N, C-alpha and C. Protein backbone atom coordinates (compact mmCIF):
# COMPACT_ATOMS: atom_id res chain seq x y z
N UNK A 1 -46.81 53.50 -10.11
CA UNK A 1 -46.20 54.76 -9.71
C UNK A 1 -45.84 54.73 -8.23
N UNK A 2 -44.93 55.59 -7.85
CA UNK A 2 -44.47 55.65 -6.47
C UNK A 2 -45.39 56.53 -5.63
N UNK A 3 -45.95 55.95 -4.59
CA UNK A 3 -46.83 56.68 -3.67
C UNK A 3 -46.52 56.18 -2.26
N UNK A 4 -46.41 57.07 -1.28
CA UNK A 4 -46.13 56.59 0.08
C UNK A 4 -47.30 55.80 0.65
N UNK A 5 -46.97 54.77 1.44
CA UNK A 5 -48.01 53.96 2.07
C UNK A 5 -48.72 54.72 3.17
N UNK A 6 -47.93 55.46 3.94
CA UNK A 6 -48.47 56.17 5.09
C UNK A 6 -47.71 57.48 5.25
N UNK A 7 -48.41 58.55 5.56
CA UNK A 7 -47.75 59.84 5.75
C UNK A 7 -48.14 60.41 7.10
N UNK A 8 -47.24 61.20 7.66
CA UNK A 8 -47.50 61.81 8.96
C UNK A 8 -48.57 62.90 8.84
N UNK A 9 -48.43 63.75 7.81
CA UNK A 9 -49.40 64.81 7.56
C UNK A 9 -49.93 64.64 6.14
N UNK A 10 -51.24 64.62 6.00
CA UNK A 10 -51.85 64.37 4.70
C UNK A 10 -51.63 65.52 3.73
N UNK A 11 -51.71 66.76 4.22
CA UNK A 11 -51.52 67.94 3.38
C UNK A 11 -50.40 68.79 3.94
N UNK A 12 -49.51 69.24 3.08
CA UNK A 12 -48.37 70.04 3.49
C UNK A 12 -48.55 71.49 3.08
N UNK A 13 -47.81 72.36 3.74
CA UNK A 13 -47.67 73.72 3.26
C UNK A 13 -46.74 73.71 2.06
N UNK A 14 -46.81 74.79 1.27
CA UNK A 14 -45.99 74.82 0.06
C UNK A 14 -44.51 74.96 0.36
N UNK A 15 -44.15 75.85 1.25
CA UNK A 15 -42.73 76.06 1.53
C UNK A 15 -42.08 76.92 0.47
N UNK A 16 -40.76 76.94 0.47
CA UNK A 16 -39.99 77.80 -0.41
C UNK A 16 -39.03 76.97 -1.25
N UNK A 17 -38.81 77.38 -2.49
CA UNK A 17 -37.82 76.72 -3.35
C UNK A 17 -36.52 77.49 -3.25
N UNK A 18 -35.59 76.99 -2.49
CA UNK A 18 -34.27 77.62 -2.43
C UNK A 18 -33.36 76.84 -3.37
N UNK A 19 -32.76 77.52 -4.31
CA UNK A 19 -31.95 76.85 -5.33
C UNK A 19 -30.51 76.64 -4.87
N UNK A 20 -30.33 76.25 -3.62
CA UNK A 20 -28.99 75.92 -3.14
C UNK A 20 -28.54 74.60 -3.74
N UNK A 21 -27.24 74.33 -3.63
CA UNK A 21 -26.73 73.04 -4.05
C UNK A 21 -27.17 72.00 -3.03
N UNK A 22 -27.43 70.81 -3.52
CA UNK A 22 -27.81 69.70 -2.64
C UNK A 22 -26.57 69.21 -1.89
N UNK A 23 -26.76 68.86 -0.62
CA UNK A 23 -25.64 68.36 0.17
C UNK A 23 -25.70 66.84 0.35
N UNK A 24 -26.88 66.25 0.15
CA UNK A 24 -27.02 64.81 0.31
C UNK A 24 -27.35 64.18 -1.04
N UNK A 25 -26.98 62.93 -1.21
CA UNK A 25 -27.31 62.21 -2.44
C UNK A 25 -26.59 62.73 -3.66
N UNK A 26 -25.33 63.14 -3.49
CA UNK A 26 -24.58 63.75 -4.59
C UNK A 26 -23.50 62.85 -5.15
N UNK A 27 -23.28 61.69 -4.55
CA UNK A 27 -22.24 60.78 -5.01
C UNK A 27 -22.84 59.43 -5.37
N UNK A 28 -22.21 58.75 -6.33
CA UNK A 28 -22.67 57.42 -6.71
C UNK A 28 -22.43 56.45 -5.55
N UNK A 29 -23.48 55.75 -5.14
CA UNK A 29 -23.37 54.82 -4.02
C UNK A 29 -23.51 53.37 -4.45
N UNK A 30 -24.31 53.11 -5.49
CA UNK A 30 -24.63 51.73 -5.84
C UNK A 30 -24.08 51.33 -7.20
N UNK A 31 -24.31 52.13 -8.23
CA UNK A 31 -23.94 51.77 -9.59
C UNK A 31 -22.69 52.47 -10.08
N UNK A 32 -22.36 52.18 -11.35
CA UNK A 32 -21.18 52.79 -11.98
C UNK A 32 -21.52 54.05 -12.75
N UNK A 33 -22.79 54.17 -13.17
CA UNK A 33 -23.24 55.33 -13.95
C UNK A 33 -24.46 55.94 -13.28
N UNK A 34 -24.71 57.21 -13.59
CA UNK A 34 -25.86 57.86 -12.96
C UNK A 34 -26.33 59.09 -13.71
N UNK A 35 -27.49 59.60 -13.27
CA UNK A 35 -28.07 60.84 -13.78
C UNK A 35 -28.05 61.84 -12.64
N UNK A 36 -27.38 62.98 -12.85
CA UNK A 36 -27.26 64.01 -11.82
C UNK A 36 -27.90 65.31 -12.30
N UNK A 37 -28.64 65.97 -11.40
CA UNK A 37 -29.29 67.24 -11.72
C UNK A 37 -28.23 68.33 -11.78
N UNK A 38 -28.29 69.16 -12.83
CA UNK A 38 -27.29 70.21 -13.02
C UNK A 38 -27.83 71.56 -12.55
N UNK A 39 -29.05 71.90 -12.97
CA UNK A 39 -29.58 73.22 -12.63
C UNK A 39 -31.06 73.13 -12.32
N UNK A 40 -31.54 74.14 -11.63
CA UNK A 40 -32.97 74.23 -11.33
C UNK A 40 -33.33 73.58 -10.03
N UNK A 41 -34.37 74.12 -9.42
CA UNK A 41 -34.93 73.56 -8.20
C UNK A 41 -36.40 73.34 -8.50
N UNK A 42 -36.75 72.11 -8.87
CA UNK A 42 -38.10 71.83 -9.34
C UNK A 42 -38.68 70.58 -8.70
N UNK A 43 -39.99 70.45 -8.88
CA UNK A 43 -40.69 69.24 -8.46
C UNK A 43 -40.59 68.20 -9.57
N UNK A 44 -40.33 66.95 -9.17
CA UNK A 44 -40.42 65.82 -10.09
C UNK A 44 -41.55 64.94 -9.60
N UNK A 45 -42.53 64.68 -10.45
CA UNK A 45 -43.69 63.89 -10.05
C UNK A 45 -43.38 62.40 -10.13
N UNK A 46 -44.22 61.61 -9.50
CA UNK A 46 -44.04 60.16 -9.54
C UNK A 46 -44.21 59.63 -10.95
N UNK A 47 -45.03 60.28 -11.77
CA UNK A 47 -45.21 59.87 -13.17
C UNK A 47 -43.92 60.08 -13.97
N UNK A 48 -43.24 61.19 -13.74
CA UNK A 48 -41.99 61.46 -14.45
C UNK A 48 -40.90 60.47 -14.04
N UNK A 49 -40.85 60.13 -12.76
CA UNK A 49 -39.88 59.15 -12.28
C UNK A 49 -40.13 57.80 -12.94
N UNK A 50 -41.40 57.39 -12.99
CA UNK A 50 -41.76 56.10 -13.58
C UNK A 50 -41.47 56.08 -15.08
N UNK A 51 -41.76 57.17 -15.78
CA UNK A 51 -41.48 57.24 -17.23
C UNK A 51 -39.98 57.14 -17.49
N UNK A 52 -39.18 57.80 -16.68
CA UNK A 52 -37.72 57.73 -16.83
C UNK A 52 -37.21 56.33 -16.55
N UNK A 53 -37.74 55.71 -15.51
CA UNK A 53 -37.31 54.35 -15.15
C UNK A 53 -37.63 53.37 -16.28
N UNK A 54 -38.82 53.49 -16.86
CA UNK A 54 -39.20 52.60 -17.95
C UNK A 54 -38.32 52.82 -19.19
N UNK A 55 -37.99 54.08 -19.46
CA UNK A 55 -37.11 54.37 -20.60
C UNK A 55 -35.74 53.74 -20.40
N UNK A 56 -35.23 53.80 -19.17
CA UNK A 56 -33.91 53.23 -18.87
C UNK A 56 -33.94 51.71 -19.01
N UNK A 57 -34.93 51.05 -18.39
CA UNK A 57 -34.96 49.58 -18.41
C UNK A 57 -35.20 49.05 -19.82
N UNK A 58 -36.00 49.75 -20.63
CA UNK A 58 -36.23 49.29 -21.99
C UNK A 58 -34.99 49.47 -22.86
N UNK A 59 -34.25 50.53 -22.64
CA UNK A 59 -33.02 50.74 -23.40
C UNK A 59 -31.96 49.69 -23.03
N UNK A 60 -31.90 49.34 -21.76
CA UNK A 60 -30.94 48.34 -21.31
C UNK A 60 -31.40 46.92 -21.63
N UNK A 61 -32.62 46.78 -22.16
CA UNK A 61 -33.21 45.48 -22.51
C UNK A 61 -33.19 44.51 -21.34
N UNK A 62 -33.58 45.00 -20.21
CA UNK A 62 -33.68 44.25 -18.96
C UNK A 62 -32.34 43.67 -18.49
N UNK A 63 -31.25 44.22 -19.00
CA UNK A 63 -29.94 43.81 -18.52
C UNK A 63 -29.47 44.82 -17.48
N UNK A 64 -28.58 44.42 -16.62
CA UNK A 64 -28.08 45.34 -15.61
C UNK A 64 -29.09 45.62 -14.50
N UNK A 65 -28.80 46.65 -13.72
CA UNK A 65 -29.64 47.00 -12.58
C UNK A 65 -29.81 48.50 -12.51
N UNK A 66 -30.99 48.94 -12.07
CA UNK A 66 -31.31 50.37 -11.95
C UNK A 66 -31.69 50.64 -10.50
N UNK A 67 -31.13 51.71 -9.94
CA UNK A 67 -31.51 52.17 -8.61
C UNK A 67 -32.16 53.54 -8.74
N UNK A 68 -33.32 53.70 -8.11
CA UNK A 68 -33.98 55.01 -8.07
C UNK A 68 -33.60 55.64 -6.74
N UNK A 69 -32.92 56.79 -6.80
CA UNK A 69 -32.39 57.40 -5.58
C UNK A 69 -33.33 58.42 -4.95
N UNK A 70 -34.48 58.67 -5.54
CA UNK A 70 -35.42 59.65 -4.99
C UNK A 70 -36.78 58.98 -4.81
N UNK A 71 -37.58 59.53 -3.90
CA UNK A 71 -38.93 59.01 -3.68
C UNK A 71 -39.89 60.19 -3.47
N UNK A 72 -40.99 60.23 -4.21
CA UNK A 72 -41.94 61.35 -4.09
C UNK A 72 -42.80 61.20 -2.84
N UNK A 73 -42.47 61.95 -1.80
CA UNK A 73 -43.21 61.85 -0.55
C UNK A 73 -43.97 63.13 -0.21
N UNK A 74 -43.86 64.15 -1.04
CA UNK A 74 -44.48 65.45 -0.76
C UNK A 74 -45.82 65.55 -1.49
N UNK A 75 -46.93 65.69 -0.77
CA UNK A 75 -48.24 65.78 -1.43
C UNK A 75 -48.49 67.17 -2.01
N UNK A 76 -49.12 67.19 -3.18
CA UNK A 76 -49.55 68.43 -3.82
C UNK A 76 -51.06 68.37 -3.94
N UNK A 77 -51.74 69.41 -3.48
CA UNK A 77 -53.20 69.42 -3.50
C UNK A 77 -53.70 70.33 -4.61
N UNK A 78 -54.88 70.01 -5.12
CA UNK A 78 -55.54 70.88 -6.10
C UNK A 78 -57.03 70.88 -5.83
N UNK A 79 -57.66 72.02 -6.12
CA UNK A 79 -59.11 72.11 -6.05
C UNK A 79 -59.65 71.95 -7.46
N UNK A 80 -60.88 71.55 -7.56
CA UNK A 80 -61.50 71.33 -8.86
C UNK A 80 -61.61 72.62 -9.65
N UNK A 81 -61.85 72.50 -10.94
CA UNK A 81 -62.01 73.68 -11.79
C UNK A 81 -63.35 74.35 -11.49
N UNK A 82 -63.36 75.65 -11.56
CA UNK A 82 -64.55 76.48 -11.33
C UNK A 82 -65.16 76.27 -9.94
N UNK A 83 -64.29 76.06 -8.96
CA UNK A 83 -64.74 75.95 -7.57
C UNK A 83 -64.56 77.32 -6.94
N UNK A 84 -65.60 77.86 -6.27
CA UNK A 84 -65.47 79.19 -5.69
C UNK A 84 -64.48 79.24 -4.53
N UNK A 85 -64.07 80.46 -4.17
CA UNK A 85 -63.13 80.66 -3.07
C UNK A 85 -63.71 80.11 -1.78
N UNK A 86 -62.83 79.67 -0.89
CA UNK A 86 -63.28 79.12 0.39
C UNK A 86 -63.48 77.62 0.27
N UNK A 87 -64.03 77.07 1.29
CA UNK A 87 -64.29 75.63 1.26
C UNK A 87 -63.09 74.79 1.63
N UNK A 88 -62.03 75.41 2.12
CA UNK A 88 -60.87 74.65 2.59
C UNK A 88 -59.89 74.31 1.48
N UNK A 89 -58.88 73.56 1.86
CA UNK A 89 -57.82 73.18 0.92
C UNK A 89 -58.30 71.98 0.09
N UNK A 90 -57.80 71.89 -1.13
CA UNK A 90 -58.22 70.82 -2.02
C UNK A 90 -57.67 69.46 -1.61
N UNK A 91 -58.10 68.45 -2.34
CA UNK A 91 -57.67 67.08 -2.07
C UNK A 91 -56.27 66.84 -2.63
N UNK A 92 -55.60 65.83 -2.10
CA UNK A 92 -54.26 65.48 -2.58
C UNK A 92 -54.38 64.96 -4.01
N UNK A 93 -53.63 65.57 -4.92
CA UNK A 93 -53.71 65.24 -6.35
C UNK A 93 -52.58 64.31 -6.77
N UNK A 94 -51.35 64.59 -6.30
CA UNK A 94 -50.19 63.80 -6.69
C UNK A 94 -49.10 63.97 -5.64
N UNK A 95 -48.05 63.16 -5.77
CA UNK A 95 -46.89 63.25 -4.89
C UNK A 95 -45.67 63.63 -5.72
N UNK A 96 -44.83 64.48 -5.15
CA UNK A 96 -43.67 64.99 -5.86
C UNK A 96 -42.42 64.92 -4.98
N UNK A 97 -41.27 65.14 -5.61
CA UNK A 97 -40.00 65.24 -4.90
C UNK A 97 -39.30 66.50 -5.37
N UNK A 98 -38.84 67.33 -4.46
CA UNK A 98 -38.15 68.57 -4.81
C UNK A 98 -36.67 68.28 -5.02
N UNK A 99 -36.20 68.44 -6.26
CA UNK A 99 -34.79 68.20 -6.55
C UNK A 99 -34.04 69.52 -6.64
N UNK A 100 -32.81 69.49 -6.19
CA UNK A 100 -31.92 70.64 -6.25
C UNK A 100 -30.67 70.24 -7.02
N UNK A 101 -29.88 71.20 -7.49
CA UNK A 101 -28.67 70.86 -8.25
C UNK A 101 -27.72 69.98 -7.45
N UNK A 102 -27.20 68.94 -8.09
CA UNK A 102 -26.26 68.03 -7.46
C UNK A 102 -26.86 66.69 -7.08
N UNK A 103 -28.16 66.59 -6.98
CA UNK A 103 -28.82 65.35 -6.56
C UNK A 103 -28.74 64.29 -7.66
N UNK A 104 -28.44 63.06 -7.29
CA UNK A 104 -28.43 61.95 -8.23
C UNK A 104 -29.81 61.31 -8.22
N UNK A 105 -30.40 61.17 -9.41
CA UNK A 105 -31.75 60.64 -9.54
C UNK A 105 -31.77 59.13 -9.74
N UNK A 106 -30.94 58.64 -10.65
CA UNK A 106 -30.89 57.21 -10.96
C UNK A 106 -29.43 56.76 -11.02
N UNK A 107 -29.23 55.47 -10.71
CA UNK A 107 -27.92 54.86 -10.88
C UNK A 107 -28.08 53.57 -11.67
N UNK A 108 -27.10 53.26 -12.52
CA UNK A 108 -27.14 52.07 -13.37
C UNK A 108 -25.86 51.28 -13.21
N UNK A 109 -25.96 49.98 -13.44
CA UNK A 109 -24.78 49.13 -13.42
C UNK A 109 -25.06 47.85 -14.20
N UNK A 110 -24.00 47.18 -14.63
CA UNK A 110 -24.14 45.90 -15.31
C UNK A 110 -24.32 45.99 -16.81
N UNK A 111 -24.11 47.18 -17.39
CA UNK A 111 -24.20 47.35 -18.85
C UNK A 111 -22.98 48.13 -19.34
N UNK A 112 -22.64 48.03 -20.64
CA UNK A 112 -21.53 48.82 -21.17
C UNK A 112 -21.82 50.32 -21.12
N UNK A 113 -20.77 51.12 -21.20
CA UNK A 113 -20.92 52.57 -21.06
C UNK A 113 -21.80 53.18 -22.15
N UNK A 114 -21.66 52.73 -23.41
CA UNK A 114 -22.46 53.33 -24.48
C UNK A 114 -23.95 53.03 -24.31
N UNK A 115 -24.28 51.86 -23.78
CA UNK A 115 -25.69 51.52 -23.50
C UNK A 115 -26.21 52.39 -22.36
N UNK A 116 -25.37 52.59 -21.35
CA UNK A 116 -25.78 53.44 -20.22
C UNK A 116 -25.99 54.88 -20.67
N UNK A 117 -25.11 55.38 -21.55
CA UNK A 117 -25.27 56.75 -22.07
C UNK A 117 -26.57 56.91 -22.85
N UNK A 118 -26.89 55.92 -23.67
CA UNK A 118 -28.13 55.96 -24.44
C UNK A 118 -29.34 55.93 -23.52
N UNK A 119 -29.30 55.08 -22.50
CA UNK A 119 -30.41 54.97 -21.56
C UNK A 119 -30.61 56.28 -20.80
N UNK A 120 -29.51 56.89 -20.37
CA UNK A 120 -29.60 58.17 -19.64
C UNK A 120 -30.13 59.26 -20.55
N UNK A 121 -29.71 59.26 -21.81
CA UNK A 121 -30.18 60.27 -22.76
C UNK A 121 -31.69 60.17 -22.97
N UNK A 122 -32.21 58.96 -23.05
CA UNK A 122 -33.66 58.78 -23.21
C UNK A 122 -34.42 59.17 -21.96
N UNK A 123 -33.84 58.89 -20.79
CA UNK A 123 -34.50 59.24 -19.54
C UNK A 123 -34.51 60.75 -19.31
N UNK A 124 -33.48 61.44 -19.80
CA UNK A 124 -33.38 62.90 -19.62
C UNK A 124 -34.54 63.63 -20.27
N UNK A 125 -35.05 63.09 -21.37
CA UNK A 125 -36.16 63.74 -22.08
C UNK A 125 -37.45 63.71 -21.28
N UNK A 126 -37.55 62.84 -20.31
CA UNK A 126 -38.76 62.70 -19.51
C UNK A 126 -38.76 63.59 -18.27
N UNK A 127 -37.63 64.24 -17.99
CA UNK A 127 -37.49 64.99 -16.75
C UNK A 127 -37.56 66.50 -16.99
N UNK A 128 -38.09 67.28 -16.01
CA UNK A 128 -38.24 68.73 -16.19
C UNK A 128 -37.00 69.54 -15.82
N UNK A 129 -35.92 68.88 -15.41
CA UNK A 129 -34.70 69.60 -15.01
C UNK A 129 -33.54 69.22 -15.94
N UNK A 130 -32.51 70.07 -15.97
CA UNK A 130 -31.33 69.75 -16.75
C UNK A 130 -30.49 68.75 -15.96
N UNK A 131 -30.04 67.71 -16.63
CA UNK A 131 -29.27 66.66 -15.98
C UNK A 131 -28.02 66.36 -16.79
N UNK A 132 -27.13 65.54 -16.20
CA UNK A 132 -25.94 65.12 -16.92
C UNK A 132 -25.63 63.67 -16.57
N UNK A 133 -24.85 63.04 -17.44
CA UNK A 133 -24.41 61.66 -17.25
C UNK A 133 -23.14 61.67 -16.43
N UNK A 134 -23.09 60.87 -15.38
CA UNK A 134 -21.87 60.78 -14.56
C UNK A 134 -21.46 59.33 -14.45
N UNK A 135 -20.17 59.11 -14.20
CA UNK A 135 -19.67 57.75 -14.01
C UNK A 135 -18.62 57.74 -12.92
N UNK A 136 -18.44 56.55 -12.36
CA UNK A 136 -17.50 56.37 -11.26
C UNK A 136 -16.07 56.50 -11.75
């Protein structure tokens, strides 16, 4: 799974989810096909990214190339169950990436279009946001 090697701050504040359109990472840069977020402003965990990547590579049967355009660098903390109030903030549980509409998550190249469509369709089931298939 994707985890940062080193972070500036171990625990972050939550912040706000603004459902604006994404301004960066909205165009295909490496491959011919891609997965683009259509709606929603949600967290994608490193487990979901890895599950999607595995679905894509298995569908392509190790042919072609896959680029992951996002990296989970935001820590999410949780406290244990039945822990009383106080005692500070919980430990880091997982790392996530906040996606907004327009962001490209994965790019593919080196396979026919129908194989890429199938791979993207399988990867979409692993993600918590609505996505679409795009091509150059």
